[in-house]
Amino acid sequence: MSDSPKSVSPDERATSAPVPLSGLLDAVISELGLGQKMAECRAQLAWDRAVGTQLAQHAQPVKIKRGRMEIAVTSPVWSSQLSFMKGEILKRINLEAGSEIVTDLTFVTAAGRSSTRRESTGGGRKTC
């Protein structure tokens, strides 16, 4: 006769405490090293709330690398205007994201960007 897998008795199951799913997900994210990437994604998704819809129509985050968020702007005029607001924008992004993720902002006009850089998808949905 073949060996069957060992079954766990109800008493054995009762001795191990249930683990909340959120704790399990946090452990998996940490083990895979995805925590920083998820934090950066939260910061990018917080952009519209941090700057407001009118400003977001002219400037959108493209990527974050080593705490520096690159923002694509529609014109050099918007780049200049946003440069003056950089400190306040940084505070708002990090507040919306829940921690200090972004340490600097760089503004580039859409014409000055490389075609290999990631774009936001249509319909107001962003990718991280």
N, C-alpha and C. Protein backbone atom coordinates (compact mmCIF):
# COMPACT_ATOMS: atom_id res chain seq x y z
N MET A 1 0.83 -1.17 0.00
CA MET A 1 0.00 0.00 0.00
C MET A 1 0.89 1.25 0.00
N SER A 2 0.48 2.31 -0.73
CA SER A 2 1.31 3.52 -0.81
C SER A 2 1.08 4.40 0.41
N ASP A 3 2.12 5.18 0.68
CA ASP A 3 2.01 6.11 1.81
C ASP A 3 1.14 7.29 1.42
N SER A 4 0.18 7.63 2.25
CA SER A 4 -0.65 8.80 1.98
C SER A 4 -0.07 9.99 2.73
N PRO A 5 -0.32 11.20 2.23
CA PRO A 5 0.21 12.37 2.92
C PRO A 5 -0.37 12.46 4.33
N LYS A 6 0.46 12.94 5.23
CA LYS A 6 0.04 13.05 6.61
C LYS A 6 -1.03 14.14 6.72
N SER A 7 -2.14 13.82 7.32
CA SER A 7 -3.17 14.84 7.51
C SER A 7 -2.95 15.52 8.85
N VAL A 8 -3.41 16.75 8.92
CA VAL A 8 -3.26 17.53 10.14
C VAL A 8 -4.56 17.42 10.92
N SER A 9 -4.41 17.05 12.16
CA SER A 9 -5.60 16.88 13.00
C SER A 9 -6.17 18.24 13.39
N PRO A 10 -7.46 18.29 13.73
CA PRO A 10 -8.06 19.56 14.17
C PRO A 10 -7.34 20.14 15.38
N ASP A 11 -6.83 19.29 16.28
CA ASP A 11 -6.11 19.79 17.44
C ASP A 11 -4.81 20.50 17.02
N GLU A 12 -4.11 19.94 16.03
CA GLU A 12 -2.87 20.56 15.56
C GLU A 12 -3.15 21.89 14.88
N ARG A 13 -4.25 21.97 14.12
CA ARG A 13 -4.61 23.23 13.47
C ARG A 13 -4.97 24.30 14.49
N ALA A 14 -5.60 23.91 15.57
CA ALA A 14 -6.04 24.85 16.58
C ALA A 14 -4.87 25.49 17.33
N THR A 15 -3.72 24.84 17.36
CA THR A 15 -2.59 25.38 18.10
C THR A 15 -1.88 26.51 17.35
N SER A 16 -2.05 26.60 16.04
CA SER A 16 -1.41 27.70 15.31
C SER A 16 -2.42 28.83 15.15
N ALA A 17 -2.00 30.01 15.53
CA ALA A 17 -2.88 31.18 15.47
C ALA A 17 -3.07 31.62 14.03
N PRO A 18 -4.24 32.10 13.68
CA PRO A 18 -4.45 32.61 12.33
C PRO A 18 -3.58 33.84 12.08
N VAL A 19 -3.11 33.98 10.87
CA VAL A 19 -2.26 35.11 10.49
C VAL A 19 -3.09 36.04 9.61
N PRO A 20 -3.14 37.33 9.96
CA PRO A 20 -3.88 38.27 9.11
C PRO A 20 -3.27 38.31 7.70
N LEU A 21 -4.12 38.40 6.71
CA LEU A 21 -3.67 38.43 5.33
C LEU A 21 -2.74 39.62 5.07
N SER A 22 -3.04 40.77 5.67
CA SER A 22 -2.19 41.94 5.46
C SER A 22 -0.76 41.68 5.94
N GLY A 23 -0.63 40.99 7.07
CA GLY A 23 0.70 40.66 7.57
C GLY A 23 1.43 39.71 6.66
N LEU A 24 0.69 38.79 6.10
CA LEU A 24 1.27 37.83 5.16
C LEU A 24 1.74 38.54 3.89
N LEU A 25 0.93 39.45 3.38
CA LEU A 25 1.30 40.20 2.18
C LEU A 25 2.52 41.08 2.45
N ASP A 26 2.55 41.73 3.61
CA ASP A 26 3.72 42.55 3.95
C ASP A 26 4.99 41.71 3.98
N ALA A 27 4.90 40.51 4.53
CA ALA A 27 6.06 39.62 4.61
C ALA A 27 6.52 39.21 3.22
N VAL A 28 5.59 38.90 2.33
CA VAL A 28 5.95 38.49 0.97
C VAL A 28 6.57 39.66 0.21
N ILE A 29 5.98 40.84 0.34
CA ILE A 29 6.51 42.04 -0.32
C ILE A 29 7.93 42.32 0.15
N SER A 30 8.13 42.22 1.44
CA SER A 30 9.46 42.46 2.01
C SER A 30 10.46 41.41 1.52
N GLU A 31 10.04 40.16 1.53
CA GLU A 31 10.92 39.06 1.10
C GLU A 31 11.32 39.21 -0.36
N LEU A 32 10.41 39.72 -1.19
CA LEU A 32 10.70 39.90 -2.61
C LEU A 32 11.44 41.21 -2.90
N GLY A 33 11.59 42.04 -1.88
CA GLY A 33 12.28 43.31 -2.07
C GLY A 33 11.47 44.33 -2.84
N LEU A 34 10.15 44.28 -2.74
CA LEU A 34 9.29 45.17 -3.50
C LEU A 34 8.80 46.38 -2.72
N GLY A 35 9.17 46.50 -1.47
CA GLY A 35 8.68 47.58 -0.62
C GLY A 35 8.98 48.96 -1.17
N GLN A 36 10.20 49.20 -1.60
CA GLN A 36 10.58 50.52 -2.13
C GLN A 36 9.85 50.82 -3.43
N LYS A 37 9.72 49.83 -4.29
CA LYS A 37 9.02 50.04 -5.56
C LYS A 37 7.55 50.39 -5.31
N MET A 38 6.93 49.72 -4.35
CA MET A 38 5.53 50.02 -4.04
C MET A 38 5.40 51.42 -3.45
N ALA A 39 6.35 51.84 -2.62
CA ALA A 39 6.32 53.19 -2.06
C ALA A 39 6.45 54.23 -3.17
N GLU A 40 7.33 53.98 -4.13
CA GLU A 40 7.49 54.89 -5.26
C GLU A 40 6.21 54.97 -6.09
N CYS A 41 5.57 53.85 -6.26
CA CYS A 41 4.30 53.81 -7.00
C CYS A 41 3.24 54.63 -6.27
N ARG A 42 3.18 54.49 -4.94
CA ARG A 42 2.23 55.28 -4.15
C ARG A 42 2.48 56.78 -4.35
N ALA A 43 3.73 57.16 -4.40
CA ALA A 43 4.08 58.58 -4.59
C ALA A 43 3.63 59.06 -5.96
N GLN A 44 3.83 58.26 -6.99
CA GLN A 44 3.39 58.66 -8.33
C GLN A 44 1.86 58.77 -8.38
N LEU A 45 1.19 57.83 -7.76
CA LEU A 45 -0.27 57.87 -7.77
C LEU A 45 -0.83 59.01 -6.93
N ALA A 46 -0.03 59.54 -6.01
CA ALA A 46 -0.47 60.65 -5.16
C ALA A 46 -0.33 62.01 -5.86
N TRP A 47 0.31 62.05 -7.00
CA TRP A 47 0.61 63.30 -7.69
C TRP A 47 -0.63 64.16 -7.90
N ASP A 48 -1.67 63.64 -8.51
CA ASP A 48 -2.87 64.43 -8.81
C ASP A 48 -3.48 65.03 -7.55
N ARG A 49 -3.55 64.25 -6.48
CA ARG A 49 -4.10 64.77 -5.22
C ARG A 49 -3.19 65.84 -4.63
N ALA A 50 -1.89 65.67 -4.78
CA ALA A 50 -0.93 66.59 -4.18
C ALA A 50 -0.92 67.95 -4.89
N VAL A 51 -1.08 67.95 -6.20
CA VAL A 51 -0.96 69.21 -6.95
C VAL A 51 -2.29 69.77 -7.44
N GLY A 52 -3.33 68.96 -7.43
CA GLY A 52 -4.63 69.42 -7.92
C GLY A 52 -4.81 69.12 -9.40
N THR A 53 -6.06 69.07 -9.82
CA THR A 53 -6.37 68.65 -11.20
C THR A 53 -5.88 69.62 -12.25
N GLN A 54 -5.97 70.93 -11.98
CA GLN A 54 -5.55 71.90 -12.99
C GLN A 54 -4.06 71.79 -13.28
N LEU A 55 -3.26 71.72 -12.25
CA LEU A 55 -1.82 71.60 -12.44
C LEU A 55 -1.47 70.23 -13.04
N ALA A 56 -2.18 69.21 -12.63
CA ALA A 56 -1.91 67.85 -13.14
C ALA A 56 -2.19 67.73 -14.64
N GLN A 57 -2.99 68.63 -15.19
CA GLN A 57 -3.23 68.62 -16.63
C GLN A 57 -1.98 69.02 -17.41
N HIS A 58 -1.06 69.70 -16.75
CA HIS A 58 0.14 70.21 -17.42
C HIS A 58 1.43 69.51 -16.99
N ALA A 59 1.32 68.63 -15.97
CA ALA A 59 2.52 67.98 -15.46
C ALA A 59 2.17 66.63 -14.86
N GLN A 60 2.91 65.59 -15.25
CA GLN A 60 2.66 64.24 -14.75
C GLN A 60 3.97 63.54 -14.45
N PRO A 61 3.99 62.75 -13.37
CA PRO A 61 5.22 62.01 -13.04
C PRO A 61 5.50 60.93 -14.08
N VAL A 62 6.76 60.73 -14.35
CA VAL A 62 7.19 59.73 -15.32
C VAL A 62 7.84 58.55 -14.61
N LYS A 63 8.76 58.87 -13.69
CA LYS A 63 9.47 57.81 -12.97
C LYS A 63 10.07 58.37 -11.70
N ILE A 64 10.49 57.46 -10.84
CA ILE A 64 11.21 57.83 -9.63
C ILE A 64 12.45 56.95 -9.57
N LYS A 65 13.58 57.58 -9.33
CA LYS A 65 14.83 56.83 -9.19
C LYS A 65 15.64 57.46 -8.07
N ARG A 66 15.97 56.67 -7.07
CA ARG A 66 16.74 57.12 -5.91
C ARG A 66 16.14 58.36 -5.26
N GLY A 67 14.82 58.37 -5.13
CA GLY A 67 14.13 59.47 -4.47
C GLY A 67 13.84 60.68 -5.34
N ARG A 68 14.34 60.67 -6.56
CA ARG A 68 14.13 61.80 -7.48
C ARG A 68 12.98 61.46 -8.44
N MET A 69 11.93 62.28 -8.38
CA MET A 69 10.78 62.08 -9.26
C MET A 69 10.94 62.98 -10.49
N GLU A 70 10.85 62.36 -11.66
CA GLU A 70 10.91 63.11 -12.90
C GLU A 70 9.48 63.44 -13.34
N ILE A 71 9.25 64.71 -13.63
CA ILE A 71 7.93 65.19 -14.00
C ILE A 71 7.97 65.70 -15.44
N ALA A 72 7.10 65.16 -16.29
CA ALA A 72 6.97 65.64 -17.66
C ALA A 72 5.99 66.82 -17.66
N VAL A 73 6.43 67.95 -18.20
CA VAL A 73 5.58 69.14 -18.25
C VAL A 73 5.31 69.51 -19.70
N THR A 74 4.22 70.23 -19.91
CA THR A 74 3.81 70.55 -21.26
C THR A 74 4.60 71.69 -21.90
N SER A 75 5.28 72.51 -21.09
CA SER A 75 6.04 73.63 -21.66
C SER A 75 7.11 74.09 -20.67
N PRO A 76 8.10 74.83 -21.18
CA PRO A 76 9.12 75.39 -20.28
C PRO A 76 8.53 76.36 -19.25
N VAL A 77 7.44 77.01 -19.60
CA VAL A 77 6.80 77.94 -18.67
C VAL A 77 6.30 77.17 -17.44
N TRP A 78 5.67 76.00 -17.66
CA TRP A 78 5.20 75.18 -16.54
C TRP A 78 6.39 74.64 -15.74
N SER A 79 7.45 74.31 -16.41
CA SER A 79 8.65 73.83 -15.72
C SER A 79 9.17 74.90 -14.76
N SER A 80 9.22 76.13 -15.23
CA SER A 80 9.67 77.25 -14.41
C SER A 80 8.72 77.48 -13.22
N GLN A 81 7.44 77.49 -13.49
CA GLN A 81 6.44 77.72 -12.44
C GLN A 81 6.54 76.63 -11.36
N LEU A 82 6.64 75.37 -11.79
CA LEU A 82 6.71 74.27 -10.83
C LEU A 82 8.01 74.28 -10.03
N SER A 83 9.08 74.79 -10.63
CA SER A 83 10.35 74.89 -9.91
C SER A 83 10.21 75.78 -8.69
N PHE A 84 9.43 76.86 -8.82
CA PHE A 84 9.19 77.76 -7.69
C PHE A 84 8.37 77.09 -6.59
N MET A 85 7.56 76.11 -6.97
CA MET A 85 6.66 75.43 -6.03
C MET A 85 7.24 74.11 -5.51
N LYS A 86 8.46 73.79 -5.88
CA LYS A 86 9.05 72.48 -5.61
C LYS A 86 8.95 72.05 -4.14
N GLY A 87 9.32 72.91 -3.23
CA GLY A 87 9.31 72.55 -1.80
C GLY A 87 7.92 72.15 -1.32
N GLU A 88 6.94 72.94 -1.67
CA GLU A 88 5.56 72.65 -1.25
C GLU A 88 5.05 71.37 -1.92
N ILE A 89 5.37 71.18 -3.18
CA ILE A 89 4.93 69.97 -3.89
C ILE A 89 5.54 68.72 -3.24
N LEU A 90 6.83 68.79 -2.91
CA LEU A 90 7.49 67.66 -2.25
C LEU A 90 6.77 67.30 -0.94
N LYS A 91 6.47 68.30 -0.14
CA LYS A 91 5.76 68.05 1.13
C LYS A 91 4.43 67.36 0.87
N ARG A 92 3.68 67.87 -0.09
CA ARG A 92 2.34 67.32 -0.37
C ARG A 92 2.40 65.90 -0.90
N ILE A 93 3.33 65.62 -1.79
CA ILE A 93 3.45 64.26 -2.34
C ILE A 93 3.73 63.27 -1.21
N ASN A 94 4.72 63.59 -0.40
CA ASN A 94 5.11 62.68 0.68
C ASN A 94 4.00 62.53 1.72
N LEU A 95 3.26 63.59 1.97
CA LEU A 95 2.12 63.52 2.88
C LEU A 95 1.05 62.59 2.32
N GLU A 96 0.73 62.75 1.05
CA GLU A 96 -0.27 61.90 0.39
C GLU A 96 0.19 60.45 0.31
N ALA A 97 1.49 60.24 0.08
CA ALA A 97 2.03 58.89 -0.06
C ALA A 97 2.21 58.19 1.29
N GLY A 98 2.22 58.96 2.36
CA GLY A 98 2.31 58.36 3.69
C GLY A 98 3.71 58.24 4.28
N SER A 99 4.73 58.63 3.54
CA SER A 99 6.09 58.64 4.07
C SER A 99 6.98 59.45 3.13
N GLU A 100 8.19 59.76 3.60
CA GLU A 100 9.10 60.55 2.77
C GLU A 100 9.77 59.66 1.73
N ILE A 101 9.18 59.64 0.56
CA ILE A 101 9.65 58.79 -0.53
C ILE A 101 10.42 59.62 -1.55
N VAL A 102 9.88 60.80 -1.85
CA VAL A 102 10.46 61.67 -2.87
C VAL A 102 11.29 62.75 -2.18
N THR A 103 12.55 62.88 -2.60
CA THR A 103 13.44 63.87 -2.01
C THR A 103 13.76 65.02 -2.96
N ASP A 104 13.47 64.83 -4.26
CA ASP A 104 13.75 65.88 -5.24
C ASP A 104 12.81 65.71 -6.43
N LEU A 105 12.58 66.82 -7.12
CA LEU A 105 11.77 66.81 -8.34
C LEU A 105 12.59 67.39 -9.47
N THR A 106 12.51 66.77 -10.64
CA THR A 106 13.11 67.34 -11.84
C THR A 106 12.01 67.48 -12.87
N PHE A 107 12.03 68.60 -13.58
CA PHE A 107 10.98 68.89 -14.55
C PHE A 107 11.59 68.89 -15.94
N VAL A 108 10.96 68.14 -16.85
CA VAL A 108 11.42 68.07 -18.23
C VAL A 108 10.23 68.31 -19.15
N THR A 109 10.47 69.07 -20.20
CA THR A 109 9.40 69.30 -21.16
C THR A 109 9.22 68.04 -21.99
N ALA A 110 8.01 67.79 -22.43
CA ALA A 110 7.69 66.57 -23.17
C ALA A 110 8.60 66.42 -24.39
N ALA A 111 8.94 67.50 -25.06
CA ALA A 111 9.79 67.44 -26.24
C ALA A 111 11.22 67.04 -25.89
N GLY A 112 11.64 67.31 -24.65
CA GLY A 112 13.01 67.01 -24.24
C GLY A 112 13.19 65.62 -23.68
N ARG A 113 12.13 64.82 -23.68
CA ARG A 113 12.20 63.49 -23.09
C ARG A 113 12.54 62.46 -24.14
N SER A 114 13.24 61.43 -23.73
CA SER A 114 13.58 60.31 -24.59
C SER A 114 12.34 59.46 -24.84
N SER A 115 12.22 58.87 -26.01
CA SER A 115 11.06 58.04 -26.33
C SER A 115 11.06 56.72 -25.58
N THR A 116 12.17 56.37 -24.95
CA THR A 116 12.23 55.10 -24.21
C THR A 116 11.69 55.23 -22.80
N ARG A 117 11.43 56.42 -22.34
CA ARG A 117 10.93 56.59 -20.98
C ARG A 117 9.46 56.22 -20.91
N ARG A 118 9.03 55.75 -19.75
CA ARG A 118 7.67 55.28 -19.54
C ARG A 118 6.69 56.44 -19.57
N GLU A 119 5.57 56.24 -20.23
CA GLU A 119 4.49 57.21 -20.30
C GLU A 119 3.34 56.74 -19.45
N SER A 120 2.49 57.68 -19.04
CA SER A 120 1.25 57.26 -18.38
C SER A 120 0.32 56.74 -19.46
N THR A 121 -0.55 55.82 -19.07
CA THR A 121 -1.50 55.30 -20.02
C THR A 121 -2.65 56.27 -20.15
N GLY A 122 -3.45 56.11 -21.17
CA GLY A 122 -4.58 56.98 -21.40
C GLY A 122 -5.66 56.82 -20.35
N GLY A 123 -6.63 57.72 -20.41
CA GLY A 123 -7.77 57.63 -19.52
C GLY A 123 -7.48 57.99 -18.09
N GLY A 124 -6.40 58.72 -17.83
CA GLY A 124 -6.10 59.13 -16.47
C GLY A 124 -5.51 58.03 -15.59
N ARG A 125 -5.27 56.86 -16.14
CA ARG A 125 -4.69 55.76 -15.35
C ARG A 125 -3.19 55.78 -15.51
N LYS A 126 -2.51 55.66 -14.40
CA LYS A 126 -1.05 55.67 -14.42
C LYS A 126 -0.52 54.27 -14.19
N THR A 127 0.67 54.05 -14.71
CA THR A 127 1.35 52.79 -14.44
C THR A 127 2.58 53.10 -13.60
N CYS A 128 2.98 52.18 -12.80
CA CYS A 128 4.17 52.39 -11.96
C CYS A 128 5.27 51.42 -12.38
